[in-house]
Amino acid sequence: MMSVSPPPSDDEVALRAAELAALLLERAASARGATADDPSVVAAEIASLRAEVARLRSLVGPEEDSFVRLRTDLWAARDAAIGSEMEAGQLRGRVTALEKELLRAQRNHRLITHKLIAPARRAKRLLRKL
């Protein structure tokens, strides 16, 4: 069973975003040979980070209600899967019962053919010869 962790608080998200922004600014500046204090680098990186945050929020949703709806959907899907497994088990039991019934019917058919129909056919052939 999959456990659903609670969504991070806004403070945790903001702290993590600030850490990532600082790291990205530092790496971008070192890659371009500029310092992190260069205003053009800072402005460009902040704009790209804001665009990325906007893209991610559009995917996940900015509100906790989105997480609640996702968790509810997850539980509903889990319950549907459990119900389907139970129904599949019932159907397997029904198939087994039908297979046994079919074998019993085939056995009865062979018995009737062997005990009743075959002697009747033999008697019929004997009467034709006379």
N, C-alpha and C. Protein backbone atom coordinates (compact mmCIF):
# COMPACT_ATOMS: atom_id res chain seq x y z
N MET A 1 0.84 -1.16 0.00
CA MET A 1 0.00 0.00 0.00
C MET A 1 0.89 1.23 0.00
N MET A 2 0.53 2.20 -0.81
CA MET A 2 1.33 3.40 -0.97
C MET A 2 0.90 4.41 0.09
N SER A 3 1.88 5.01 0.79
CA SER A 3 1.55 6.03 1.77
C SER A 3 1.68 7.39 1.12
N VAL A 4 0.80 8.29 1.50
CA VAL A 4 0.79 9.63 0.95
C VAL A 4 1.34 10.56 2.01
N SER A 5 2.42 11.25 1.68
CA SER A 5 3.01 12.18 2.64
C SER A 5 2.28 13.51 2.55
N PRO A 6 2.20 14.23 3.65
CA PRO A 6 1.51 15.53 3.61
C PRO A 6 2.30 16.52 2.77
N PRO A 7 1.61 17.47 2.17
CA PRO A 7 2.32 18.45 1.35
C PRO A 7 3.20 19.33 2.22
N PRO A 8 4.30 19.81 1.67
CA PRO A 8 5.18 20.67 2.46
C PRO A 8 4.49 22.00 2.74
N SER A 9 4.86 22.62 3.84
CA SER A 9 4.28 23.92 4.19
C SER A 9 4.85 24.98 3.27
N ASP A 10 4.19 26.12 3.27
CA ASP A 10 4.65 27.23 2.41
C ASP A 10 6.04 27.70 2.82
N ASP A 11 6.33 27.66 4.12
CA ASP A 11 7.66 28.07 4.59
C ASP A 11 8.74 27.13 4.09
N GLU A 12 8.44 25.82 4.13
CA GLU A 12 9.41 24.83 3.64
C GLU A 12 9.65 25.01 2.15
N VAL A 13 8.56 25.25 1.41
CA VAL A 13 8.69 25.44 -0.05
C VAL A 13 9.50 26.69 -0.35
N ALA A 14 9.21 27.77 0.37
CA ALA A 14 9.94 29.02 0.14
C ALA A 14 11.42 28.85 0.48
N LEU A 15 11.73 28.17 1.58
CA LEU A 15 13.12 27.95 1.97
C LEU A 15 13.84 27.12 0.92
N ARG A 16 13.20 26.04 0.49
CA ARG A 16 13.82 25.18 -0.53
C ARG A 16 14.01 25.93 -1.84
N ALA A 17 13.03 26.75 -2.23
CA ALA A 17 13.15 27.54 -3.46
C ALA A 17 14.30 28.54 -3.36
N ALA A 18 14.46 29.15 -2.18
CA ALA A 18 15.56 30.10 -2.00
C ALA A 18 16.90 29.40 -2.08
N GLU A 19 16.99 28.20 -1.48
CA GLU A 19 18.24 27.45 -1.54
C GLU A 19 18.58 27.07 -2.98
N LEU A 20 17.57 26.60 -3.70
CA LEU A 20 17.79 26.22 -5.10
C LEU A 20 18.14 27.42 -5.96
N ALA A 21 17.48 28.56 -5.70
CA ALA A 21 17.77 29.77 -6.46
C ALA A 21 19.21 30.22 -6.23
N ALA A 22 19.65 30.18 -4.98
CA ALA A 22 21.03 30.58 -4.68
C ALA A 22 22.02 29.64 -5.36
N LEU A 23 21.74 28.35 -5.31
CA LEU A 23 22.63 27.38 -5.94
C LEU A 23 22.67 27.58 -7.46
N LEU A 24 21.52 27.79 -8.05
CA LEU A 24 21.47 27.99 -9.50
C LEU A 24 22.17 29.29 -9.90
N LEU A 25 21.96 30.33 -9.14
CA LEU A 25 22.64 31.59 -9.44
C LEU A 25 24.15 31.43 -9.38
N GLU A 26 24.59 30.75 -8.37
CA GLU A 26 26.03 30.53 -8.20
C GLU A 26 26.60 29.73 -9.37
N ARG A 27 25.91 28.67 -9.74
CA ARG A 27 26.42 27.83 -10.85
C ARG A 27 26.35 28.56 -12.18
N ALA A 28 25.25 29.28 -12.40
CA ALA A 28 25.13 30.02 -13.67
C ALA A 28 26.20 31.09 -13.76
N ALA A 29 26.44 31.75 -12.68
CA ALA A 29 27.45 32.82 -12.69
C ALA A 29 28.84 32.24 -12.93
N SER A 30 29.14 31.12 -12.27
CA SER A 30 30.47 30.53 -12.46
C SER A 30 30.63 29.97 -13.87
N ALA A 31 29.55 29.49 -14.45
CA ALA A 31 29.63 28.96 -15.81
C ALA A 31 29.87 30.07 -16.83
N ARG A 32 29.31 31.24 -16.55
CA ARG A 32 29.47 32.36 -17.49
C ARG A 32 30.70 33.21 -17.16
N GLY A 33 31.34 32.91 -16.08
CA GLY A 33 32.51 33.68 -15.70
C GLY A 33 32.14 34.97 -14.99
N ALA A 34 30.88 35.11 -14.62
CA ALA A 34 30.44 36.33 -13.93
C ALA A 34 30.27 36.02 -12.46
N THR A 35 30.13 37.04 -11.69
CA THR A 35 29.91 36.84 -10.26
C THR A 35 28.41 36.81 -9.99
N ALA A 36 28.04 36.25 -8.84
CA ALA A 36 26.63 36.17 -8.48
C ALA A 36 26.05 37.55 -8.22
N ASP A 37 26.92 38.56 -8.05
CA ASP A 37 26.44 39.92 -7.79
C ASP A 37 26.14 40.69 -9.06
N ASP A 38 26.44 40.11 -10.22
CA ASP A 38 26.18 40.75 -11.50
C ASP A 38 24.67 40.89 -11.69
N PRO A 39 24.12 42.10 -11.82
CA PRO A 39 22.66 42.30 -11.88
C PRO A 39 22.00 41.64 -13.08
N SER A 40 22.67 41.59 -14.22
CA SER A 40 22.05 40.98 -15.40
C SER A 40 21.89 39.47 -15.22
N VAL A 41 22.85 38.83 -14.61
CA VAL A 41 22.78 37.39 -14.35
C VAL A 41 21.68 37.11 -13.34
N VAL A 42 21.65 37.92 -12.29
CA VAL A 42 20.65 37.72 -11.24
C VAL A 42 19.24 37.88 -11.81
N ALA A 43 19.02 38.91 -12.59
CA ALA A 43 17.69 39.17 -13.15
C ALA A 43 17.25 38.04 -14.09
N ALA A 44 18.17 37.58 -14.92
CA ALA A 44 17.83 36.50 -15.86
C ALA A 44 17.53 35.20 -15.12
N GLU A 45 18.31 34.90 -14.13
CA GLU A 45 18.09 33.66 -13.37
C GLU A 45 16.79 33.71 -12.57
N ILE A 46 16.51 34.87 -11.99
CA ILE A 46 15.25 35.01 -11.24
C ILE A 46 14.06 34.86 -12.16
N ALA A 47 14.14 35.41 -13.35
CA ALA A 47 13.04 35.29 -14.31
C ALA A 47 12.84 33.83 -14.72
N SER A 48 13.94 33.12 -14.97
CA SER A 48 13.80 31.71 -15.38
C SER A 48 13.29 30.86 -14.23
N LEU A 49 13.73 31.17 -13.00
CA LEU A 49 13.24 30.42 -11.84
C LEU A 49 11.76 30.68 -11.60
N ARG A 50 11.32 31.92 -11.76
CA ARG A 50 9.89 32.22 -11.60
C ARG A 50 9.06 31.52 -12.65
N ALA A 51 9.56 31.45 -13.86
CA ALA A 51 8.84 30.74 -14.92
C ALA A 51 8.74 29.25 -14.59
N GLU A 52 9.81 28.67 -14.05
CA GLU A 52 9.79 27.25 -13.67
C GLU A 52 8.82 27.00 -12.53
N VAL A 53 8.80 27.90 -11.54
CA VAL A 53 7.87 27.76 -10.42
C VAL A 53 6.43 27.85 -10.93
N ALA A 54 6.16 28.76 -11.84
CA ALA A 54 4.81 28.90 -12.40
C ALA A 54 4.41 27.64 -13.16
N ARG A 55 5.36 27.07 -13.91
CA ARG A 55 5.08 25.83 -14.65
C ARG A 55 4.77 24.69 -13.69
N LEU A 56 5.57 24.55 -12.64
CA LEU A 56 5.34 23.48 -11.67
C LEU A 56 4.03 23.66 -10.92
N ARG A 57 3.70 24.89 -10.57
CA ARG A 57 2.44 25.13 -9.87
C ARG A 57 1.25 24.81 -10.76
N SER A 58 1.39 25.06 -12.06
CA SER A 58 0.28 24.72 -12.96
C SER A 58 0.10 23.21 -13.06
N LEU A 59 1.18 22.45 -12.88
CA LEU A 59 1.08 20.98 -12.90
C LEU A 59 0.49 20.44 -11.62
N VAL A 60 0.96 20.91 -10.48
CA VAL A 60 0.57 20.37 -9.18
C VAL A 60 -0.59 21.14 -8.57
N GLY A 61 -0.59 22.42 -8.72
CA GLY A 61 -1.60 23.25 -8.09
C GLY A 61 -1.02 23.92 -6.86
N PRO A 62 -1.29 25.18 -6.67
CA PRO A 62 -0.68 25.91 -5.57
C PRO A 62 -1.35 25.68 -4.23
N GLU A 63 -2.55 25.12 -4.22
CA GLU A 63 -3.31 25.02 -2.99
C GLU A 63 -3.24 23.64 -2.39
N GLU A 64 -3.48 23.58 -1.10
CA GLU A 64 -3.49 22.29 -0.41
C GLU A 64 -4.70 21.46 -0.86
N ASP A 65 -5.74 22.13 -1.34
CA ASP A 65 -6.92 21.42 -1.83
C ASP A 65 -6.55 20.47 -2.96
N SER A 66 -5.57 20.85 -3.76
CA SER A 66 -5.12 19.97 -4.84
C SER A 66 -4.59 18.66 -4.28
N PHE A 67 -3.82 18.76 -3.20
CA PHE A 67 -3.26 17.56 -2.59
C PHE A 67 -4.37 16.72 -1.96
N VAL A 68 -5.34 17.37 -1.35
CA VAL A 68 -6.46 16.65 -0.75
C VAL A 68 -7.24 15.91 -1.83
N ARG A 69 -7.49 16.58 -2.95
CA ARG A 69 -8.21 15.92 -4.05
C ARG A 69 -7.41 14.75 -4.61
N LEU A 70 -6.08 14.94 -4.74
CA LEU A 70 -5.24 13.84 -5.23
C LEU A 70 -5.26 12.66 -4.26
N ARG A 71 -5.19 12.94 -2.96
CA ARG A 71 -5.22 11.88 -1.96
C ARG A 71 -6.57 11.16 -1.99
N THR A 72 -7.65 11.91 -2.14
CA THR A 72 -8.99 11.31 -2.22
C THR A 72 -9.10 10.44 -3.47
N ASP A 73 -8.58 10.93 -4.59
CA ASP A 73 -8.59 10.13 -5.82
C ASP A 73 -7.77 8.85 -5.65
N LEU A 74 -6.64 8.98 -4.97
CA LEU A 74 -5.79 7.80 -4.72
C LEU A 74 -6.54 6.76 -3.90
N TRP A 75 -7.22 7.20 -2.84
CA TRP A 75 -7.97 6.27 -2.00
C TRP A 75 -9.12 5.64 -2.76
N ALA A 76 -9.79 6.43 -3.60
CA ALA A 76 -10.89 5.89 -4.40
C ALA A 76 -10.37 4.85 -5.39
N ALA A 77 -9.23 5.12 -6.00
CA ALA A 77 -8.64 4.16 -6.94
C ALA A 77 -8.22 2.89 -6.22
N ARG A 78 -7.66 3.04 -5.01
CA ARG A 78 -7.26 1.87 -4.23
C ARG A 78 -8.47 1.02 -3.86
N ASP A 79 -9.55 1.68 -3.43
CA ASP A 79 -10.77 0.94 -3.09
C ASP A 79 -11.36 0.24 -4.31
N ALA A 80 -11.31 0.89 -5.46
CA ALA A 80 -11.81 0.27 -6.69
C ALA A 80 -10.96 -0.94 -7.05
N ALA A 81 -9.65 -0.85 -6.87
CA ALA A 81 -8.77 -1.99 -7.17
C ALA A 81 -9.05 -3.15 -6.23
N ILE A 82 -9.26 -2.85 -4.94
CA ILE A 82 -9.56 -3.92 -3.98
C ILE A 82 -10.88 -4.59 -4.34
N GLY A 83 -11.89 -3.78 -4.70
CA GLY A 83 -13.18 -4.33 -5.11
C GLY A 83 -13.06 -5.19 -6.35
N SER A 84 -12.24 -4.76 -7.30
CA SER A 84 -12.04 -5.53 -8.53
C SER A 84 -11.36 -6.86 -8.24
N GLU A 85 -10.39 -6.84 -7.32
CA GLU A 85 -9.72 -8.10 -6.95
C GLU A 85 -10.70 -9.06 -6.28
N MET A 86 -11.58 -8.53 -5.44
CA MET A 86 -12.57 -9.40 -4.79
C MET A 86 -13.52 -9.98 -5.83
N GLU A 87 -13.95 -9.17 -6.77
CA GLU A 87 -14.85 -9.65 -7.81
C GLU A 87 -14.16 -10.69 -8.69
N ALA A 88 -12.88 -10.48 -8.97
CA ALA A 88 -12.12 -11.46 -9.77
C ALA A 88 -12.04 -12.78 -9.03
N GLY A 89 -11.85 -12.73 -7.71
CA GLY A 89 -11.82 -13.96 -6.91
C GLY A 89 -13.15 -14.69 -6.95
N GLN A 90 -14.24 -13.95 -6.87
CA GLN A 90 -15.56 -14.57 -6.98
C GLN A 90 -15.76 -15.21 -8.34
N LEU A 91 -15.32 -14.52 -9.38
CA LEU A 91 -15.46 -15.08 -10.74
C LEU A 91 -14.59 -16.33 -10.91
N ARG A 92 -13.40 -16.35 -10.31
CA ARG A 92 -12.57 -17.55 -10.38
C ARG A 92 -13.27 -18.73 -9.71
N GLY A 93 -13.92 -18.46 -8.57
CA GLY A 93 -14.68 -19.51 -7.89
C GLY A 93 -15.83 -20.00 -8.74
N ARG A 94 -16.52 -19.08 -9.41
CA ARG A 94 -17.64 -19.47 -10.28
C ARG A 94 -17.14 -20.30 -11.47
N VAL A 95 -16.01 -19.91 -12.04
CA VAL A 95 -15.43 -20.68 -13.16
C VAL A 95 -15.08 -22.08 -12.71
N THR A 96 -14.49 -22.22 -11.53
CA THR A 96 -14.15 -23.54 -10.99
C THR A 96 -15.40 -24.39 -10.81
N ALA A 97 -16.46 -23.80 -10.29
CA ALA A 97 -17.72 -24.54 -10.11
C ALA A 97 -18.30 -24.97 -11.45
N LEU A 98 -18.24 -24.09 -12.45
CA LEU A 98 -18.76 -24.44 -13.78
C LEU A 98 -17.91 -25.53 -14.43
N GLU A 99 -16.60 -25.51 -14.24
CA GLU A 99 -15.75 -26.56 -14.79
C GLU A 99 -16.09 -27.91 -14.16
N LYS A 100 -16.32 -27.93 -12.86
CA LYS A 100 -16.70 -29.18 -12.20
C LYS A 100 -18.05 -29.67 -12.71
N GLU A 101 -18.99 -28.75 -12.90
CA GLU A 101 -20.30 -29.13 -13.42
C GLU A 101 -20.19 -29.68 -14.84
N LEU A 102 -19.33 -29.08 -15.65
CA LEU A 102 -19.12 -29.57 -17.02
C LEU A 102 -18.51 -30.97 -17.01
N LEU A 103 -17.52 -31.20 -16.15
CA LEU A 103 -16.92 -32.53 -16.06
C LEU A 103 -17.94 -33.57 -15.63
N ARG A 104 -18.80 -33.21 -14.68
CA ARG A 104 -19.85 -34.12 -14.22
C ARG A 104 -20.82 -34.43 -15.37
N ALA A 105 -21.19 -33.42 -16.14
CA ALA A 105 -22.10 -33.62 -17.27
C ALA A 105 -21.45 -34.50 -18.34
N GLN A 106 -20.16 -34.29 -18.61
CA GLN A 106 -19.46 -35.13 -19.61
C GLN A 106 -19.38 -36.58 -19.13
N ARG A 107 -19.10 -36.77 -17.84
CA ARG A 107 -19.04 -38.12 -17.28
C ARG A 107 -20.42 -38.80 -17.38
N ASN A 108 -21.48 -38.05 -17.05
CA ASN A 108 -22.82 -38.62 -17.17
C ASN A 108 -23.17 -38.96 -18.61
N HIS A 109 -22.74 -38.12 -19.53
CA HIS A 109 -23.01 -38.39 -20.95
C HIS A 109 -22.32 -39.67 -21.40
N ARG A 110 -21.04 -39.84 -21.00
CA ARG A 110 -20.33 -41.08 -21.37
C ARG A 110 -21.00 -42.30 -20.74
N LEU A 111 -21.45 -42.16 -19.50
CA LEU A 111 -22.10 -43.27 -18.82
C LEU A 111 -23.41 -43.65 -19.50
N ILE A 112 -24.21 -42.66 -19.84
CA ILE A 112 -25.48 -42.94 -20.52
C ILE A 112 -25.22 -43.56 -21.88
N THR A 113 -24.24 -43.02 -22.60
CA THR A 113 -23.91 -43.58 -23.92
C THR A 113 -23.45 -45.02 -23.79
N HIS A 114 -22.60 -45.29 -22.82
CA HIS A 114 -22.04 -46.63 -22.64
C HIS A 114 -23.09 -47.63 -22.14
N LYS A 115 -23.92 -47.22 -21.21
CA LYS A 115 -24.85 -48.16 -20.58
C LYS A 115 -26.18 -48.28 -21.32
N LEU A 116 -26.67 -47.23 -21.95
CA LEU A 116 -28.00 -47.28 -22.54
C LEU A 116 -28.01 -47.26 -24.06
N ILE A 117 -27.33 -46.29 -24.63
CA ILE A 117 -27.43 -46.09 -26.08
C ILE A 117 -26.66 -47.18 -26.82
N ALA A 118 -25.47 -47.53 -26.39
CA ALA A 118 -24.68 -48.54 -27.10
C ALA A 118 -25.41 -49.89 -27.12
N PRO A 119 -25.96 -50.39 -26.01
CA PRO A 119 -26.70 -51.66 -26.09
C PRO A 119 -27.92 -51.56 -26.99
N ALA A 120 -28.58 -50.43 -26.98
CA ALA A 120 -29.75 -50.26 -27.85
C ALA A 120 -29.34 -50.32 -29.32
N ARG A 121 -28.22 -49.73 -29.66
CA ARG A 121 -27.74 -49.78 -31.05
C ARG A 121 -27.36 -51.22 -31.44
N ARG A 122 -26.73 -51.92 -30.49
CA ARG A 122 -26.36 -53.31 -30.79
C ARG A 122 -27.62 -54.17 -31.02
N ALA A 123 -28.62 -53.92 -30.20
CA ALA A 123 -29.88 -54.68 -30.36
C ALA A 123 -30.53 -54.34 -31.69
N LYS A 124 -30.47 -53.11 -32.06
CA LYS A 124 -31.06 -52.68 -33.33
C LYS A 124 -30.35 -53.35 -34.51
N ARG A 125 -29.02 -53.44 -34.45
CA ARG A 125 -28.26 -54.10 -35.50
C ARG A 125 -28.59 -55.59 -35.58
N LEU A 126 -28.75 -56.21 -34.42
CA LEU A 126 -29.10 -57.64 -34.39
C LEU A 126 -30.47 -57.87 -35.02
N LEU A 127 -31.41 -56.98 -34.75
CA LEU A 127 -32.75 -57.14 -35.29
C LEU A 127 -32.75 -56.95 -36.79
N ARG A 128 -31.89 -56.09 -37.33
CA ARG A 128 -31.82 -55.88 -38.77
C ARG A 128 -31.28 -57.14 -39.46
N LYS A 129 -30.37 -57.83 -38.80
CA LYS A 129 -29.77 -59.03 -39.40
C LYS A 129 -30.80 -60.16 -39.47
N LEU A 130 -31.77 -60.17 -38.58
CA LEU A 130 -32.75 -61.26 -38.57
C LEU A 130 -33.78 -61.06 -39.58
